[in-house]
Amino acid sequence: MSIGLRFKISMLVNETDLLRKVQSFFGFGTLGINKDGTVDFMVKDGTVDSMVKDLSNLLKIKEHFINTL
C-alpha cells in the first residue's frame, strides 16, 4: 500500500490546448489523452508515480489557488 497526493484536471479532448496552457503556466505536470475522449493534466508526488517526484509542485498549485481567492 502507498499513499500519495494527486492534482488532476480532466476535460474533453477538444480542450487540450487549454490544458497545455495550464501546464505551461505552472511549468510542470503531464498531459494524457484517454480512450474515452478526455484529456488530463496531472501532477502526482513521487510516492504514487515517478512523473513528478517533488511534493513542492503540489504545494505550488495549492498556494496558487489560495492566493487567487
PDB file of N, CA and C in Angstrom:
ATOM      1  N   MET A   1       0.838  -1.168   0.000  1.00  0.00           N
ATOM      2  CA  MET A   1       0.000   0.000   0.000  1.00  0.00           C
ATOM      3  C   MET A   1       0.890   1.240   0.000  1.00  0.00           C
ATOM      4  N   SER A   2       0.473   2.232  -0.751  1.00  0.00           N
ATOM      5  CA  SER A   2       1.180   3.506  -0.740  1.00  0.00           C
ATOM      6  C   SER A   2       0.162   4.640  -0.694  1.00  0.00           C
ATOM      7  N   ILE A   3       0.582   5.733  -0.128  1.00  0.00           N
ATOM      8  CA  ILE A   3      -0.270   6.914  -0.030  1.00  0.00           C
ATOM      9  C   ILE A   3       0.435   8.057  -0.727  1.00  0.00           C
ATOM     10  N   GLY A   4      -0.300   8.807  -1.519  1.00  0.00           N
ATOM     11  CA  GLY A   4       0.293   9.934  -2.221  1.00  0.00           C
ATOM     12  C   GLY A   4      -0.747  10.982  -2.518  1.00  0.00           C
ATOM     13  N   LEU A   5      -0.279  12.068  -3.084  1.00  0.00           N
ATOM     14  CA  LEU A   5      -1.157  13.183  -3.461  1.00  0.00           C
ATOM     15  C   LEU A   5      -1.205  13.308  -4.970  1.00  0.00           C
ATOM     16  N   ARG A   6      -2.351  13.806  -5.459  1.00  0.00           N
ATOM     17  CA  ARG A   6      -2.516  13.987  -6.902  1.00  0.00           C
ATOM     18  C   ARG A   6      -3.423  15.181  -7.134  1.00  0.00           C
ATOM     19  N   PHE A   7      -3.082  15.992  -8.121  1.00  0.00           N
ATOM     20  CA  PHE A   7      -3.932  17.073  -8.595  1.00  0.00           C
ATOM     21  C   PHE A   7      -4.227  16.759 -10.050  1.00  0.00           C
ATOM     22  N   LYS A   8      -5.503  16.793 -10.427  1.00  0.00           N
ATOM     23  CA  LYS A   8      -5.879  16.390 -11.783  1.00  0.00           C
ATOM     24  C   LYS A   8      -7.025  17.256 -12.285  1.00  0.00           C
ATOM     25  N   ILE A   9      -6.885  17.704 -13.539  1.00  0.00           N
ATOM     26  CA  ILE A   9      -7.968  18.385 -14.252  1.00  0.00           C
ATOM     27  C   ILE A   9      -8.279  17.530 -15.466  1.00  0.00           C
ATOM     28  N   SER A  10      -9.527  17.149 -15.639  1.00  0.00           N
ATOM     29  CA  SER A  10      -9.955  16.373 -16.807  1.00  0.00           C
ATOM     30  C   SER A  10     -10.922  17.200 -17.631  1.00  0.00           C
ATOM     31  N   MET A  11     -10.720  17.181 -18.946  1.00  0.00           N
ATOM     32  CA  MET A  11     -11.587  17.909 -19.873  1.00  0.00           C
ATOM     33  C   MET A  11     -11.747  17.076 -21.136  1.00  0.00           C
ATOM     34  N   LEU A  12     -12.680  17.488 -21.973  1.00  0.00           N
ATOM     35  CA  LEU A  12     -12.824  16.830 -23.270  1.00  0.00           C
ATOM     36  C   LEU A  12     -11.580  17.104 -24.105  1.00  0.00           C
ATOM     37  N   VAL A  13     -11.265  16.176 -24.989  1.00  0.00           N
ATOM     38  CA  VAL A  13     -10.024  16.248 -25.760  1.00  0.00           C
ATOM     39  C   VAL A  13      -9.932  17.527 -26.603  1.00  0.00           C
ATOM     40  N   ASN A  14     -11.073  18.138 -26.941  1.00  0.00           N
ATOM     41  CA  ASN A  14     -11.022  19.376 -27.722  1.00  0.00           C
ATOM     42  C   ASN A  14     -10.487  20.558 -26.899  1.00  0.00           C
ATOM     43  N   GLU A  15     -10.297  20.380 -25.595  1.00  0.00           N
ATOM     44  CA  GLU A  15      -9.743  21.414 -24.722  1.00  0.00           C
ATOM     45  C   GLU A  15      -8.264  21.170 -24.400  1.00  0.00           C
ATOM     46  N   THR A  16      -7.599  20.348 -25.206  1.00  0.00           N
ATOM     47  CA  THR A  16      -6.188  20.034 -24.976  1.00  0.00           C
ATOM     48  C   THR A  16      -5.324  21.281 -24.952  1.00  0.00           C
ATOM     49  N   ASP A  17      -5.573  22.231 -25.846  1.00  0.00           N
ATOM     50  CA  ASP A  17      -4.772  23.461 -25.870  1.00  0.00           C
ATOM     51  C   ASP A  17      -4.888  24.233 -24.563  1.00  0.00           C
ATOM     52  N   LEU A  18      -6.070  24.267 -23.982  1.00  0.00           N
ATOM     53  CA  LEU A  18      -6.258  24.952 -22.704  1.00  0.00           C
ATOM     54  C   LEU A  18      -5.442  24.273 -21.604  1.00  0.00           C
ATOM     55  N   LEU A  19      -5.456  22.948 -21.572  1.00  0.00           N
ATOM     56  CA  LEU A  19      -4.680  22.243 -20.559  1.00  0.00           C
ATOM     57  C   LEU A  19      -3.179  22.384 -20.799  1.00  0.00           C
ATOM     58  N   ARG A  20      -2.762  22.529 -22.046  1.00  0.00           N
ATOM     59  CA  ARG A  20      -1.342  22.822 -22.329  1.00  0.00           C
ATOM     60  C   ARG A  20      -0.953  24.175 -21.744  1.00  0.00           C
ATOM     61  N   LYS A  21      -1.871  25.128 -21.800  1.00  0.00           N
ATOM     62  CA  LYS A  21      -1.608  26.446 -21.213  1.00  0.00           C
ATOM     63  C   LYS A  21      -1.507  26.356 -19.693  1.00  0.00           C
ATOM     64  N   VAL A  22      -2.341  25.530 -19.078  1.00  0.00           N
ATOM     65  CA  VAL A  22      -2.262  25.316 -17.625  1.00  0.00           C
ATOM     66  C   VAL A  22      -0.907  24.700 -17.284  1.00  0.00           C
ATOM     67  N   GLN A  23      -0.497  23.700 -18.049  1.00  0.00           N
ATOM     68  CA  GLN A  23       0.791  23.052 -17.829  1.00  0.00           C
ATOM     69  C   GLN A  23       1.935  24.055 -18.005  1.00  0.00           C
ATOM     70  N   SER A  24       1.848  24.885 -19.017  1.00  0.00           N
ATOM     71  CA  SER A  24       2.872  25.900 -19.255  1.00  0.00           C
ATOM     72  C   SER A  24       2.903  26.936 -18.137  1.00  0.00           C
ATOM     73  N   PHE A  25       1.742  27.334 -17.644  1.00  0.00           N
ATOM     74  CA  PHE A  25       1.655  28.310 -16.561  1.00  0.00           C
ATOM     75  C   PHE A  25       2.384  27.812 -15.319  1.00  0.00           C
ATOM     76  N   PHE A  26       2.132  26.557 -14.935  1.00  0.00           N
ATOM     77  CA  PHE A  26       2.764  26.014 -13.739  1.00  0.00           C
ATOM     78  C   PHE A  26       4.201  25.562 -13.997  1.00  0.00           C
ATOM     79  N   GLY A  27       4.499  25.155 -15.231  1.00  0.00           N
ATOM     80  CA  GLY A  27       5.855  24.709 -15.561  1.00  0.00           C
ATOM     81  C   GLY A  27       6.146  23.271 -15.167  1.00  0.00           C
ATOM     82  N   PHE A  28       5.132  22.481 -14.902  1.00  0.00           N
ATOM     83  CA  PHE A  28       5.301  21.071 -14.560  1.00  0.00           C
ATOM     84  C   PHE A  28       3.987  20.347 -14.767  1.00  0.00           C
ATOM     85  N   GLY A  29       4.000  19.037 -14.564  1.00  0.00           N
ATOM     86  CA  GLY A  29       2.815  18.209 -14.751  1.00  0.00           C
ATOM     87  C   GLY A  29       2.859  17.500 -16.091  1.00  0.00           C
ATOM     88  N   THR A  30       1.910  16.612 -16.279  1.00  0.00           N
ATOM     89  CA  THR A  30       1.846  15.845 -17.522  1.00  0.00           C
ATOM     90  C   THR A  30       0.444  15.921 -18.110  1.00  0.00           C
ATOM     91  N   LEU A  31       0.379  15.742 -19.418  1.00  0.00           N
ATOM     92  CA  LEU A  31      -0.896  15.648 -20.120  1.00  0.00           C
ATOM     93  C   LEU A  31      -1.043  14.222 -20.627  1.00  0.00           C
ATOM     94  N   GLY A  32      -2.237  13.695 -20.524  1.00  0.00           N
ATOM     95  CA  GLY A  32      -2.509  12.361 -21.040  1.00  0.00           C
ATOM     96  C   GLY A  32      -3.871  12.311 -21.681  1.00  0.00           C
ATOM     97  N   ILE A  33      -3.929  11.736 -22.867  1.00  0.00           N
ATOM     98  CA  ILE A  33      -5.197  11.587 -23.580  1.00  0.00           C
ATOM     99  C   ILE A  33      -5.741  10.189 -23.294  1.00  0.00           C
ATOM    100  N   ASN A  34      -6.995  10.127 -22.902  1.00  0.00           N
ATOM    101  CA  ASN A  34      -7.639   8.875 -22.515  1.00  0.00           C
ATOM    102  C   ASN A  34      -8.492   8.314 -23.651  1.00  0.00           C
ATOM    103  N   LYS A  35      -8.765   7.045 -23.589  1.00  0.00           N
ATOM    104  CA  LYS A  35      -9.570   6.368 -24.622  1.00  0.00           C
ATOM    105  C   LYS A  35     -11.009   6.858 -24.663  1.00  0.00           C
ATOM    106  N   ASP A  36     -11.488   7.457 -23.569  1.00  0.00           N
ATOM    107  CA  ASP A  36     -12.879   7.917 -23.522  1.00  0.00           C
ATOM    108  C   ASP A  36     -13.079   9.319 -24.092  1.00  0.00           C
ATOM    109  N   GLY A  37     -12.050   9.875 -24.737  1.00  0.00           N
ATOM    110  CA  GLY A  37     -12.181  11.184 -25.361  1.00  0.00           C
ATOM    111  C   GLY A  37     -11.917  12.347 -24.427  1.00  0.00           C
ATOM    112  N   THR A  38     -11.244  12.079 -23.309  1.00  0.00           N
ATOM    113  CA  THR A  38     -10.886  13.141 -22.376  1.00  0.00           C
ATOM    114  C   THR A  38      -9.372  13.276 -22.312  1.00  0.00           C
ATOM    115  N   VAL A  39      -8.934  14.427 -21.831  1.00  0.00           N
ATOM    116  CA  VAL A  39      -7.515  14.677 -21.626  1.00  0.00           C
ATOM    117  C   VAL A  39      -7.325  15.111 -20.177  1.00  0.00           C
ATOM    118  N   ASP A  40      -6.229  14.694 -19.553  1.00  0.00           N
ATOM    119  CA  ASP A  40      -5.948  15.010 -18.162  1.00  0.00           C
ATOM    120  C   ASP A  40      -4.665  15.822 -18.050  1.00  0.00           C
ATOM    121  N   PHE A  41      -4.688  16.827 -17.194  1.00  0.00           N
ATOM    122  CA  PHE A  41      -3.477  17.474 -16.698  1.00  0.00           C
ATOM    123  C   PHE A  41      -3.305  16.927 -15.294  1.00  0.00           C
ATOM    124  N   MET A  42      -2.130  16.331 -15.009  1.00  0.00           N
ATOM    125  CA  MET A  42      -1.967  15.662 -13.736  1.00  0.00           C
ATOM    126  C   MET A  42      -0.604  15.967 -13.126  1.00  0.00           C
ATOM    127  N   VAL A  43      -0.623  16.170 -11.818  1.00  0.00           N
ATOM    128  CA  VAL A  43       0.594  16.317 -11.032  1.00  0.00           C
ATOM    129  C   VAL A  43       0.484  15.339  -9.876  1.00  0.00           C
ATOM    130  N   LYS A  44       1.485  14.477  -9.736  1.00  0.00           N
ATOM    131  CA  LYS A  44       1.494  13.471  -8.667  1.00  0.00           C
ATOM    132  C   LYS A  44       2.803  13.590  -7.904  1.00  0.00           C
ATOM    133  N   ASP A  45       2.770  13.208  -6.650  1.00  0.00           N
ATOM    134  CA  ASP A  45       4.026  13.140  -5.912  1.00  0.00           C
ATOM    135  C   ASP A  45       4.691  11.799  -6.181  1.00  0.00           C
ATOM    136  N   GLY A  46       5.937  11.676  -5.816  1.00  0.00           N
ATOM    137  CA  GLY A  46       6.740  10.505  -6.150  1.00  0.00           C
ATOM    138  C   GLY A  46       6.320   9.222  -5.472  1.00  0.00           C
ATOM    139  N   THR A  47       5.517   9.285  -4.414  1.00  0.00           N
ATOM    140  CA  THR A  47       5.138   8.049  -3.747  1.00  0.00           C
ATOM    141  C   THR A  47       4.140   7.238  -4.559  1.00  0.00           C
ATOM    142  N   VAL A  48       3.407   7.897  -5.433  1.00  0.00           N
ATOM    143  CA  VAL A  48       2.427   7.188  -6.256  1.00  0.00           C
ATOM    144  C   VAL A  48       2.965   6.955  -7.654  1.00  0.00           C
ATOM    145  N   ASP A  49       3.634   7.943  -8.213  1.00  0.00           N
ATOM    146  CA  ASP A  49       4.084   7.882  -9.595  1.00  0.00           C
ATOM    147  C   ASP A  49       5.370   8.674  -9.709  1.00  0.00           C
ATOM    148  N   SER A  50       6.278   8.238 -10.528  1.00  0.00           N
ATOM    149  CA  SER A  50       7.580   8.901 -10.624  1.00  0.00           C
ATOM    150  C   SER A  50       7.585  10.069 -11.599  1.00  0.00           C
ATOM    151  N   MET A  51       6.434  10.429 -12.181  1.00  0.00           N
ATOM    152  CA  MET A  51       6.414  11.540 -13.145  1.00  0.00           C
ATOM    153  C   MET A  51       6.840  12.852 -12.490  1.00  0.00           C
ATOM    154  N   VAL A  52       6.334  13.142 -11.336  1.00  0.00           N
ATOM    155  CA  VAL A  52       6.715  14.355 -10.607  1.00  0.00           C
ATOM    156  C   VAL A  52       7.131  13.908  -9.213  1.00  0.00           C
ATOM    157  N   LYS A  53       8.415  13.999  -8.916  1.00  0.00           N
ATOM    158  CA  LYS A  53       8.928  13.458  -7.661  1.00  0.00           C
ATOM    159  C   LYS A  53       8.966  14.490  -6.548  1.00  0.00           C
ATOM    160  N   ASP A  54       8.628  15.727  -6.826  1.00  0.00           N
ATOM    161  CA  ASP A  54       8.798  16.775  -5.852  1.00  0.00           C
ATOM    162  C   ASP A  54       7.446  17.225  -5.316  1.00  0.00           C
ATOM    163  N   LEU A  55       7.215  17.007  -4.047  1.00  0.00           N
ATOM    164  CA  LEU A  55       5.959  17.401  -3.409  1.00  0.00           C
ATOM    165  C   LEU A  55       5.744  18.910  -3.486  1.00  0.00           C
ATOM    166  N   SER A  56       6.809  19.678  -3.632  1.00  0.00           N
ATOM    167  CA  SER A  56       6.666  21.136  -3.672  1.00  0.00           C
ATOM    168  C   SER A  56       5.833  21.596  -4.863  1.00  0.00           C
ATOM    169  N   ASN A  57       5.787  20.831  -5.951  1.00  0.00           N
ATOM    170  CA  ASN A  57       4.945  21.206  -7.089  1.00  0.00           C
ATOM    171  C   ASN A  57       3.472  21.196  -6.700  1.00  0.00           C
ATOM    172  N   LEU A  58       3.066  20.204  -5.925  1.00  0.00           N
ATOM    173  CA  LEU A  58       1.682  20.165  -5.462  1.00  0.00           C
ATOM    174  C   LEU A  58       1.392  21.330  -4.530  1.00  0.00           C
ATOM    175  N   LEU A  59       2.359  21.690  -3.715  1.00  0.00           N
ATOM    176  CA  LEU A  59       2.173  22.831  -2.814  1.00  0.00           C
ATOM    177  C   LEU A  59       2.088  24.139  -3.587  1.00  0.00           C
ATOM    178  N   LYS A  60       2.804  24.245  -4.712  1.00  0.00           N
ATOM    179  CA  LYS A  60       2.723  25.443  -5.556  1.00  0.00           C
ATOM    180  C   LYS A  60       1.313  25.612  -6.128  1.00  0.00           C
ATOM    181  N   ILE A  61       0.696  24.522  -6.512  1.00  0.00           N
ATOM    182  CA  ILE A  61      -0.680  24.578  -7.021  1.00  0.00           C
ATOM    183  C   ILE A  61      -1.615  25.026  -5.906  1.00  0.00           C
ATOM    184  N   LYS A  62      -1.460  24.454  -4.735  1.00  0.00           N
ATOM    185  CA  LYS A  62      -2.292  24.834  -3.589  1.00  0.00           C
ATOM    186  C   LYS A  62      -2.143  26.323  -3.299  1.00  0.00           C
ATOM    187  N   GLU A  63      -0.903  26.825  -3.246  1.00  0.00           N
ATOM    188  CA  GLU A  63      -0.664  28.237  -2.972  1.00  0.00           C
ATOM    189  C   GLU A  63      -1.297  29.128  -4.028  1.00  0.00           C
ATOM    190  N   HIS A  64      -1.234  28.702  -5.289  1.00  0.00           N
ATOM    191  CA  HIS A  64      -1.833  29.497  -6.369  1.00  0.00           C
ATOM    192  C   HIS A  64      -3.322  29.686  -6.132  1.00  0.00           C
ATOM    193  N   PHE A  65      -4.024  28.617  -5.808  1.00  0.00           N
ATOM    194  CA  PHE A  65      -5.471  28.723  -5.619  1.00  0.00           C
ATOM    195  C   PHE A  65      -5.829  29.466  -4.336  1.00  0.00           C
ATOM    196  N   ILE A  66      -5.031  29.340  -3.299  1.00  0.00           N
ATOM    197  CA  ILE A  66      -5.279  30.094  -2.078  1.00  0.00           C
ATOM    198  C   ILE A  66      -5.092  31.594  -2.330  1.00  0.00           C
ATOM    199  N   ASN A  67      -4.062  31.947  -3.098  1.00  0.00           N
ATOM    200  CA  ASN A  67      -3.775  33.351  -3.375  1.00  0.00           C
ATOM    201  C   ASN A  67      -4.774  33.999  -4.325  1.00  0.00           C
ATOM    202  N   THR A  68      -5.527  33.200  -5.087  1.00  0.00           N
ATOM    203  CA  THR A  68      -6.485  33.767  -6.023  1.00  0.00           C
ATOM    204  C   THR A  68      -7.859  33.949  -5.410  1.00  0.00           C
ATOM    205  N   LEU A  69      -8.031  33.544  -4.161  1.00  0.00           N
ATOM    206  CA  LEU A  69      -9.334  33.707  -3.502  1.00  0.00           C
ATOM    207  C   LEU A  69      -9.567  35.134  -3.084  1.00  0.00           C
TER     208      LEU A  69
END
